[in-house]
Amino acid sequence: MLIDPADPSRTLIELSDLDGEDELVKRYGEPLRRIVTWAREYLCNPHPDLGRKGAVCPYAQTALDRGTFYLAVCQGEPTVLDISRVLAGYRDWFQRLAAPPGVAPQFRTILVLFPDLPDARAAAVVDAAQLELKSAYVEAGLMIGEFHPGPPPKSGLWNPDFLPLNSPVPLLAIRQMVASDFPFLQEVPSHVRAYLERFGDRPPAPLREAIAAARRIPDEPPTREVLT
């Protein structure tokens, strides 16, 4: 288990910890293991409704294999404000985490679980928290995604009828922004600017036309967000 040097109350659970005797792991072992199983069986595999080849998440398998798939638990029934405060800490810690030698930044992830949130509240609270947090994460070069049994009403990039963010336990996932993330950011001018600061000089070939068009659009409020 990793302990944040900046705040010893903030911890990250590694896969090897799931067989240990830590009180947090013992208390929440069932939802933690459910999420690891979900990651292996869902995120790491193709899906017939995805609309493209490859795994649902192209980074999860490597993160699991290389020990950079971290779990955290937010206990109790947090409000959106509670979650915003908790996730601000994990955002800062994520930026300080050192990846093992040979592991690229995009293969690190933190999944913060909310196992005590009742189903009746989970969707609204997690969705609202993600919306509240996203801009600060994007400005830091990170992405934050919401997952819950709802599932979140965000359609896939390649199949608008597919809702890919379904998970058995409510959670927010943190990862590094990558060059292929532009479709998730293109509708908010500040998000576009954050993306261009990092990838504007080397956009992926399939996205060059859309990125060039975004450079010419004046600041406007967002209208819709899509997920891959």
C-alpha atoms as a PDB file:
ATOM      1  CA  MET A   1       0.000   0.000   0.000  1.00  0.00           C
ATOM      2  CA  LEU A   2       1.288   3.428  -0.910  1.00  0.00           C
ATOM      3  CA  ILE A   3       1.005   6.347   1.508  1.00  0.00           C
ATOM      4  CA  ASP A   4       1.033   9.924   0.256  1.00  0.00           C
ATOM      5  CA  PRO A   5       4.004  11.740   1.832  1.00  0.00           C
ATOM      6  CA  ALA A   6       2.004  14.979   1.680  1.00  0.00           C
ATOM      7  CA  ASP A   7      -0.941  13.483   3.603  1.00  0.00           C
ATOM      8  CA  PRO A   8      -0.510  10.104   5.368  1.00  0.00           C
ATOM      9  CA  SER A   9      -4.291   9.656   5.491  1.00  0.00           C
ATOM     10  CA  ARG A  10      -4.316   9.322   1.692  1.00  0.00           C
ATOM     11  CA  THR A  11      -3.478   5.817   0.492  1.00  0.00           C
ATOM     12  CA  LEU A  12      -3.351   3.784  -2.700  1.00  0.00           C
ATOM     13  CA  ILE A  13      -4.083   0.075  -2.737  1.00  0.00           C
ATOM     14  CA  GLU A  14      -1.966  -2.066  -5.027  1.00  0.00           C
ATOM     15  CA  LEU A  15      -3.183  -5.386  -6.401  1.00  0.00           C
ATOM     16  CA  SER A  16      -0.823  -7.280  -4.099  1.00  0.00           C
ATOM     17  CA  ASP A  17      -2.506  -5.622  -1.113  1.00  0.00           C
ATOM     18  CA  LEU A  18      -5.809  -7.366  -1.820  1.00  0.00           C
ATOM     19  CA  ASP A  19      -4.487 -10.500  -0.132  1.00  0.00           C
ATOM     20  CA  GLY A  20      -3.205  -8.599   2.907  1.00  0.00           C
ATOM     21  CA  GLU A  21      -4.551  -7.805   6.341  1.00  0.00           C
ATOM     22  CA  ASP A  22      -4.957  -4.041   6.104  1.00  0.00           C
ATOM     23  CA  GLU A  23      -8.191  -2.976   7.782  1.00  0.00           C
ATOM     24  CA  LEU A  24      -9.340  -0.899   4.811  1.00  0.00           C
ATOM     25  CA  VAL A  25      -8.782  -3.807   2.453  1.00  0.00           C
ATOM     26  CA  LYS A  26     -10.504  -6.233   4.795  1.00  0.00           C
ATOM     27  CA  ARG A  27     -13.520  -3.961   5.078  1.00  0.00           C
ATOM     28  CA  TYR A  28     -13.823  -3.210   1.361  1.00  0.00           C
ATOM     29  CA  GLY A  29     -12.256  -6.325  -0.110  1.00  0.00           C
ATOM     30  CA  GLU A  30     -15.406  -7.381  -1.954  1.00  0.00           C
ATOM     31  CA  PRO A  31     -15.947  -4.157  -3.979  1.00  0.00           C
ATOM     32  CA  LEU A  32     -12.195  -3.801  -4.578  1.00  0.00           C
ATOM     33  CA  ARG A  33     -11.992  -7.311  -6.022  1.00  0.00           C
ATOM     34  CA  ARG A  34     -15.139  -6.738  -8.072  1.00  0.00           C
ATOM     35  CA  ILE A  35     -13.492  -3.760  -9.735  1.00  0.00           C
ATOM     36  CA  VAL A  36     -10.287  -5.672 -10.483  1.00  0.00           C
ATOM     37  CA  THR A  37     -12.353  -8.483 -12.034  1.00  0.00           C
ATOM     38  CA  TRP A  38     -14.359  -5.905 -14.021  1.00  0.00           C
ATOM     39  CA  ALA A  39     -11.139  -4.316 -15.259  1.00  0.00           C
ATOM     40  CA  ARG A  40      -9.731  -7.648 -16.396  1.00  0.00           C
ATOM     41  CA  GLU A  41     -12.919  -8.984 -17.960  1.00  0.00           C
ATOM     42  CA  TYR A  42     -14.410  -5.763 -19.380  1.00  0.00           C
ATOM     43  CA  LEU A  43     -11.802  -3.019 -19.795  1.00  0.00           C
ATOM     44  CA  CYS A  44      -9.086  -5.331 -21.083  1.00  0.00           C
ATOM     45  CA  ASN A  45     -11.214  -7.055 -23.722  1.00  0.00           C
ATOM     46  CA  PRO A  46     -13.013  -6.153 -26.943  1.00  0.00           C
ATOM     47  CA  HIS A  47     -16.748  -5.497 -26.795  1.00  0.00           C
ATOM     48  CA  PRO A  48     -19.142  -6.245 -29.652  1.00  0.00           C
ATOM     49  CA  ASP A  49     -20.840  -2.846 -29.280  1.00  0.00           C
ATOM     50  CA  LEU A  50     -17.687  -0.773 -29.012  1.00  0.00           C
ATOM     51  CA  GLY A  51     -17.588   0.070 -32.700  1.00  0.00           C
ATOM     52  CA  ARG A  52     -13.829  -0.362 -33.118  1.00  0.00           C
ATOM     53  CA  LYS A  53     -11.239  -3.094 -32.736  1.00  0.00           C
ATOM     54  CA  GLY A  54      -9.257  -3.596 -29.557  1.00  0.00           C
ATOM     55  CA  ALA A  55      -9.951  -3.515 -25.864  1.00  0.00           C
ATOM     56  CA  VAL A  56     -12.503  -1.194 -24.298  1.00  0.00           C
ATOM     57  CA  CYS A  57      -9.578   0.554 -22.576  1.00  0.00           C
ATOM     58  CA  PRO A  58      -6.268   0.238 -24.450  1.00  0.00           C
ATOM     59  CA  TYR A  59      -4.228   1.024 -21.334  1.00  0.00           C
ATOM     60  CA  ALA A  60      -5.764  -1.122 -18.595  1.00  0.00           C
ATOM     61  CA  GLN A  61      -3.997  -4.411 -19.326  1.00  0.00           C
ATOM     62  CA  THR A  62      -0.533  -2.868 -19.197  1.00  0.00           C
ATOM     63  CA  ALA A  63      -1.397  -0.980 -16.007  1.00  0.00           C
ATOM     64  CA  LEU A  64      -2.546  -4.228 -14.382  1.00  0.00           C
ATOM     65  CA  ASP A  65       0.502  -6.132 -15.609  1.00  0.00           C
ATOM     66  CA  ARG A  66       3.056  -3.481 -14.642  1.00  0.00           C
ATOM     67  CA  GLY A  67       1.706  -2.629 -11.195  1.00  0.00           C
ATOM     68  CA  THR A  68       0.449   0.870 -12.030  1.00  0.00           C
ATOM     69  CA  PHE A  69      -3.245   0.117 -11.536  1.00  0.00           C
ATOM     70  CA  TYR A  70      -3.995   1.736  -8.179  1.00  0.00           C
ATOM     71  CA  LEU A  71      -7.187   1.664  -6.120  1.00  0.00           C
ATOM     72  CA  ALA A  72      -8.461   4.002  -3.439  1.00  0.00           C
ATOM     73  CA  VAL A  73     -11.592   4.034  -1.291  1.00  0.00           C
ATOM     74  CA  CYS A  74     -13.647   7.065  -0.321  1.00  0.00           C
ATOM     75  CA  GLN A  75     -15.661   5.817   2.623  1.00  0.00           C
ATOM     76  CA  GLY A  76     -19.160   6.814   3.663  1.00  0.00           C
ATOM     77  CA  GLU A  77     -21.706   8.676   1.558  1.00  0.00           C
ATOM     78  CA  PRO A  78     -19.784  11.724   0.274  1.00  0.00           C
ATOM     79  CA  THR A  79     -21.377  14.777  -1.247  1.00  0.00           C
ATOM     80  CA  VAL A  80     -20.129  16.342  -4.462  1.00  0.00           C
ATOM     81  CA  LEU A  81     -18.133  18.812  -2.360  1.00  0.00           C
ATOM     82  CA  ASP A  82     -16.604  15.955  -0.349  1.00  0.00           C
ATOM     83  CA  ILE A  83     -15.578  14.163  -3.506  1.00  0.00           C
ATOM     84  CA  SER A  84     -14.124  17.333  -5.008  1.00  0.00           C
ATOM     85  CA  ARG A  85     -11.892  17.754  -1.975  1.00  0.00           C
ATOM     86  CA  VAL A  86     -10.809  14.107  -1.944  1.00  0.00           C
ATOM     87  CA  LEU A  87     -10.091  14.005  -5.662  1.00  0.00           C
ATOM     88  CA  ALA A  88      -8.109  17.243  -5.561  1.00  0.00           C
ATOM     89  CA  GLY A  89      -5.670  15.437  -3.297  1.00  0.00           C
ATOM     90  CA  TYR A  90      -5.443  12.423  -5.572  1.00  0.00           C
ATOM     91  CA  ARG A  91      -4.955  14.704  -8.580  1.00  0.00           C
ATOM     92  CA  ASP A  92      -1.923  16.278  -6.950  1.00  0.00           C
ATOM     93  CA  TRP A  93      -0.548  12.924  -5.812  1.00  0.00           C
ATOM     94  CA  PHE A  94      -1.019  11.382  -9.252  1.00  0.00           C
ATOM     95  CA  GLN A  95       1.256  14.069 -10.672  1.00  0.00           C
ATOM     96  CA  ARG A  96       3.943  13.169  -8.131  1.00  0.00           C
ATOM     97  CA  LEU A  97       3.735   9.400  -8.586  1.00  0.00           C
ATOM     98  CA  ALA A  98       6.756   7.943 -10.312  1.00  0.00           C
ATOM     99  CA  ALA A  99       6.073   5.225 -12.865  1.00  0.00           C
ATOM    100  CA  PRO A 100       8.342   2.162 -12.832  1.00  0.00           C
ATOM    101  CA  PRO A 101      11.202   2.231 -15.350  1.00  0.00           C
ATOM    102  CA  GLY A 102       9.978   1.583 -18.856  1.00  0.00           C
ATOM    103  CA  VAL A 103       6.308   2.320 -18.112  1.00  0.00           C
ATOM    104  CA  ALA A 104       4.902   5.267 -20.080  1.00  0.00           C
ATOM    105  CA  PRO A 105       2.739   7.785 -18.179  1.00  0.00           C
ATOM    106  CA  GLN A 106      -0.481   6.764 -19.948  1.00  0.00           C
ATOM    107  CA  PHE A 107      -0.300   3.351 -18.294  1.00  0.00           C
ATOM    108  CA  ARG A 108      -0.795   4.718 -14.765  1.00  0.00           C
ATOM    109  CA  THR A 109      -4.269   5.033 -13.316  1.00  0.00           C
ATOM    110  CA  ILE A 110      -5.990   5.608  -9.991  1.00  0.00           C
ATOM    111  CA  LEU A 111      -9.534   4.384  -9.453  1.00  0.00           C
ATOM    112  CA  VAL A 112     -11.241   6.025  -6.475  1.00  0.00           C
ATOM    113  CA  LEU A 113     -14.174   3.870  -5.362  1.00  0.00           C
ATOM    114  CA  PHE A 114     -17.325   5.014  -3.557  1.00  0.00           C
ATOM    115  CA  PRO A 115     -18.613   1.648  -2.320  1.00  0.00           C
ATOM    116  CA  ASP A 116     -20.892   3.076   0.389  1.00  0.00           C
ATOM    117  CA  LEU A 117     -22.888   5.325  -1.940  1.00  0.00           C
ATOM    118  CA  PRO A 118     -26.398   3.875  -2.336  1.00  0.00           C
ATOM    119  CA  ASP A 119     -27.567   3.191  -5.865  1.00  0.00           C
ATOM    120  CA  ALA A 120     -30.238   5.879  -5.555  1.00  0.00           C
ATOM    121  CA  ARG A 121     -27.573   8.589  -5.127  1.00  0.00           C
ATOM    122  CA  ALA A 122     -24.485   7.191  -6.813  1.00  0.00           C
ATOM    123  CA  ALA A 123     -25.206   8.224 -10.385  1.00  0.00           C
ATOM    124  CA  ALA A 124     -26.138  11.828  -9.620  1.00  0.00           C
ATOM    125  CA  VAL A 125     -23.293  12.388  -7.157  1.00  0.00           C
ATOM    126  CA  VAL A 126     -20.529  10.793  -9.233  1.00  0.00           C
ATOM    127  CA  ASP A 127     -21.649  12.453 -12.480  1.00  0.00           C
ATOM    128  CA  ALA A 128     -21.856  15.865 -10.825  1.00  0.00           C
ATOM    129  CA  ALA A 129     -18.459  15.434  -9.171  1.00  0.00           C
ATOM    130  CA  GLN A 130     -16.816  14.506 -12.484  1.00  0.00           C
ATOM    131  CA  LEU A 131     -18.302  17.580 -14.134  1.00  0.00           C
ATOM    132  CA  GLU A 132     -17.101  19.753 -11.254  1.00  0.00           C
ATOM    133  CA  LEU A 133     -13.585  18.323 -11.332  1.00  0.00           C
ATOM    134  CA  LYS A 134     -12.896  17.890 -15.032  1.00  0.00           C
ATOM    135  CA  SER A 135     -11.579  21.369 -15.866  1.00  0.00           C
ATOM    136  CA  ALA A 136      -8.999  21.364 -13.068  1.00  0.00           C
ATOM    137  CA  TYR A 137      -7.845  17.915 -14.119  1.00  0.00           C
ATOM    138  CA  VAL A 138      -7.619  18.858 -17.788  1.00  0.00           C
ATOM    139  CA  GLU A 139      -5.619  21.975 -16.949  1.00  0.00           C
ATOM    140  CA  ALA A 140      -3.200  19.679 -15.103  1.00  0.00           C
ATOM    141  CA  GLY A 141      -2.862  17.427 -18.152  1.00  0.00           C
ATOM    142  CA  LEU A 142      -5.063  14.702 -16.689  1.00  0.00           C
ATOM    143  CA  MET A 143      -8.387  13.078 -17.458  1.00  0.00           C
ATOM    144  CA  ILE A 144     -11.047  12.038 -14.969  1.00  0.00           C
ATOM    145  CA  GLY A 145     -13.841   9.670 -15.906  1.00  0.00           C
ATOM    146  CA  GLU A 146     -17.013   8.660 -14.107  1.00  0.00           C
ATOM    147  CA  PHE A 147     -18.136   5.030 -13.894  1.00  0.00           C
ATOM    148  CA  HIS A 148     -21.136   3.535 -12.108  1.00  0.00           C
ATOM    149  CA  PRO A 149     -23.928   0.988 -12.617  1.00  0.00           C
ATOM    150  CA  GLY A 150     -26.249   3.651 -14.094  1.00  0.00           C
ATOM    151  CA  PRO A 151     -24.438   3.659 -16.460  1.00  0.00           C
ATOM    152  CA  PRO A 152     -23.405   7.268 -17.158  1.00  0.00           C
ATOM    153  CA  PRO A 153     -25.400   8.552 -20.148  1.00  0.00           C
ATOM    154  CA  LYS A 154     -22.347   9.225 -22.332  1.00  0.00           C
ATOM    155  CA  SER A 155     -22.233   7.396 -25.624  1.00  0.00           C
ATOM    156  CA  GLY A 156     -19.225   5.788 -27.227  1.00  0.00           C
ATOM    157  CA  LEU A 157     -17.224   7.682 -29.813  1.00  0.00           C
ATOM    158  CA  TRP A 158     -17.606   4.941 -32.427  1.00  0.00           C
ATOM    159  CA  ASN A 159     -21.100   3.726 -31.546  1.00  0.00           C
ATOM    160  CA  PRO A 160     -23.609   6.268 -30.188  1.00  0.00           C
ATOM    161  CA  ASP A 161     -25.824   3.460 -28.879  1.00  0.00           C
ATOM    162  CA  PHE A 162     -23.075   2.057 -26.646  1.00  0.00           C
ATOM    163  CA  LEU A 163     -22.713   3.389 -23.083  1.00  0.00           C
ATOM    164  CA  PRO A 164     -19.183   2.300 -22.125  1.00  0.00           C
ATOM    165  CA  LEU A 165     -18.865   3.716 -18.591  1.00  0.00           C
ATOM    166  CA  ASN A 166     -20.756   0.955 -16.811  1.00  0.00           C
ATOM    167  CA  SER A 167     -19.059  -0.435 -13.693  1.00  0.00           C
ATOM    168  CA  PRO A 168     -20.287  -2.580 -10.785  1.00  0.00           C
ATOM    169  CA  VAL A 169     -19.080  -0.064  -8.166  1.00  0.00           C
ATOM    170  CA  PRO A 170     -19.283   3.758  -8.458  1.00  0.00           C
ATOM    171  CA  LEU A 171     -15.865   5.272  -9.066  1.00  0.00           C
ATOM    172  CA  LEU A 172     -13.854   8.068 -10.610  1.00  0.00           C
ATOM    173  CA  ALA A 173     -10.824   7.103 -12.691  1.00  0.00           C
ATOM    174  CA  ILE A 174      -7.731   9.282 -13.064  1.00  0.00           C
ATOM    175  CA  ARG A 175      -5.255   8.947 -15.920  1.00  0.00           C
ATOM    176  CA  GLN A 176      -2.825  10.952 -18.007  1.00  0.00           C
ATOM    177  CA  MET A 177      -4.155  12.964 -20.935  1.00  0.00           C
ATOM    178  CA  VAL A 178      -3.035  11.488 -24.265  1.00  0.00           C
ATOM    179  CA  ALA A 179      -3.028  12.822 -27.809  1.00  0.00           C
ATOM    180  CA  SER A 180      -6.105  10.807 -28.793  1.00  0.00           C
ATOM    181  CA  ASP A 181      -8.222  12.521 -26.107  1.00  0.00           C
ATOM    182  CA  PHE A 182      -9.173  15.489 -28.283  1.00  0.00           C
ATOM    183  CA  PRO A 183     -12.732  14.236 -29.022  1.00  0.00           C
ATOM    184  CA  PHE A 184     -13.440  14.295 -25.277  1.00  0.00           C
ATOM    185  CA  LEU A 185     -12.245  17.890 -24.947  1.00  0.00           C
ATOM    186  CA  GLN A 186     -13.242  19.640 -28.152  1.00  0.00           C
ATOM    187  CA  GLU A 187     -16.472  21.235 -26.956  1.00  0.00           C
ATOM    188  CA  VAL A 188     -15.003  23.329 -24.134  1.00  0.00           C
ATOM    189  CA  PRO A 189     -12.614  26.114 -25.251  1.00  0.00           C
ATOM    190  CA  SER A 190     -10.485  25.955 -22.103  1.00  0.00           C
ATOM    191  CA  HIS A 191     -10.133  22.193 -22.547  1.00  0.00           C
ATOM    192  CA  VAL A 192      -9.102  22.680 -26.170  1.00  0.00           C
ATOM    193  CA  ARG A 193      -6.444  25.166 -25.072  1.00  0.00           C
ATOM    194  CA  ALA A 194      -5.097  22.740 -22.479  1.00  0.00           C
ATOM    195  CA  TYR A 195      -4.946  20.022 -25.103  1.00  0.00           C
ATOM    196  CA  LEU A 196      -3.209  22.245 -27.670  1.00  0.00           C
ATOM    197  CA  GLU A 197      -0.587  23.277 -25.123  1.00  0.00           C
ATOM    198  CA  ARG A 198       0.459  19.642 -24.883  1.00  0.00           C
ATOM    199  CA  PHE A 199      -0.261  18.158 -28.295  1.00  0.00           C
ATOM    200  CA  GLY A 200      -0.877  21.055 -30.669  1.00  0.00           C
ATOM    201  CA  ASP A 201       2.461  20.592 -32.411  1.00  0.00           C
ATOM    202  CA  ARG A 202       1.984  16.830 -32.908  1.00  0.00           C
ATOM    203  CA  PRO A 203      -1.702  16.019 -33.325  1.00  0.00           C
ATOM    204  CA  PRO A 204      -2.608  12.463 -34.370  1.00  0.00           C
ATOM    205  CA  ALA A 205      -3.184  12.270 -38.119  1.00  0.00           C
ATOM    206  CA  PRO A 206      -6.871  11.225 -37.871  1.00  0.00           C
ATOM    207  CA  LEU A 207      -7.597  14.266 -35.680  1.00  0.00           C
ATOM    208  CA  ARG A 208      -5.677  16.972 -37.554  1.00  0.00           C
ATOM    209  CA  GLU A 209      -8.684  18.316 -39.419  1.00  0.00           C
ATOM    210  CA  ALA A 210     -10.855  18.514 -36.289  1.00  0.00           C
ATOM    211  CA  ILE A 211      -8.045  20.135 -34.301  1.00  0.00           C
ATOM    212  CA  ALA A 212      -7.400  22.693 -37.051  1.00  0.00           C
ATOM    213  CA  ALA A 213     -11.113  23.542 -37.066  1.00  0.00           C
ATOM    214  CA  ALA A 214     -11.154  23.915 -33.284  1.00  0.00           C
ATOM    215  CA  ARG A 215      -8.349  26.471 -33.467  1.00  0.00           C
ATOM    216  CA  ARG A 216     -10.638  28.685 -35.549  1.00  0.00           C
ATOM    217  CA  ILE A 217     -13.715  28.487 -33.297  1.00  0.00           C
ATOM    218  CA  PRO A 218     -14.244  31.378 -30.818  1.00  0.00           C
ATOM    219  CA  ASP A 219     -14.899  30.616 -27.165  1.00  0.00           C
ATOM    220  CA  GLU A 220     -18.389  29.208 -26.702  1.00  0.00           C
ATOM    221  CA  PRO A 221     -20.098  27.246 -23.928  1.00  0.00           C
ATOM    222  CA  PRO A 222     -20.005  23.426 -24.173  1.00  0.00           C
ATOM    223  CA  THR A 223     -22.930  21.552 -25.688  1.00  0.00           C
ATOM    224  CA  ARG A 224     -22.169  17.820 -25.489  1.00  0.00           C
ATOM    225  CA  GLU A 225     -19.441  15.453 -24.409  1.00  0.00           C
ATOM    226  CA  VAL A 226     -18.632  12.048 -25.907  1.00  0.00           C
ATOM    227  CA  LEU A 227     -16.660   9.096 -24.626  1.00  0.00           C
ATOM    228  CA  THR A 228     -14.676   6.374 -26.330  1.00  0.00           C
END
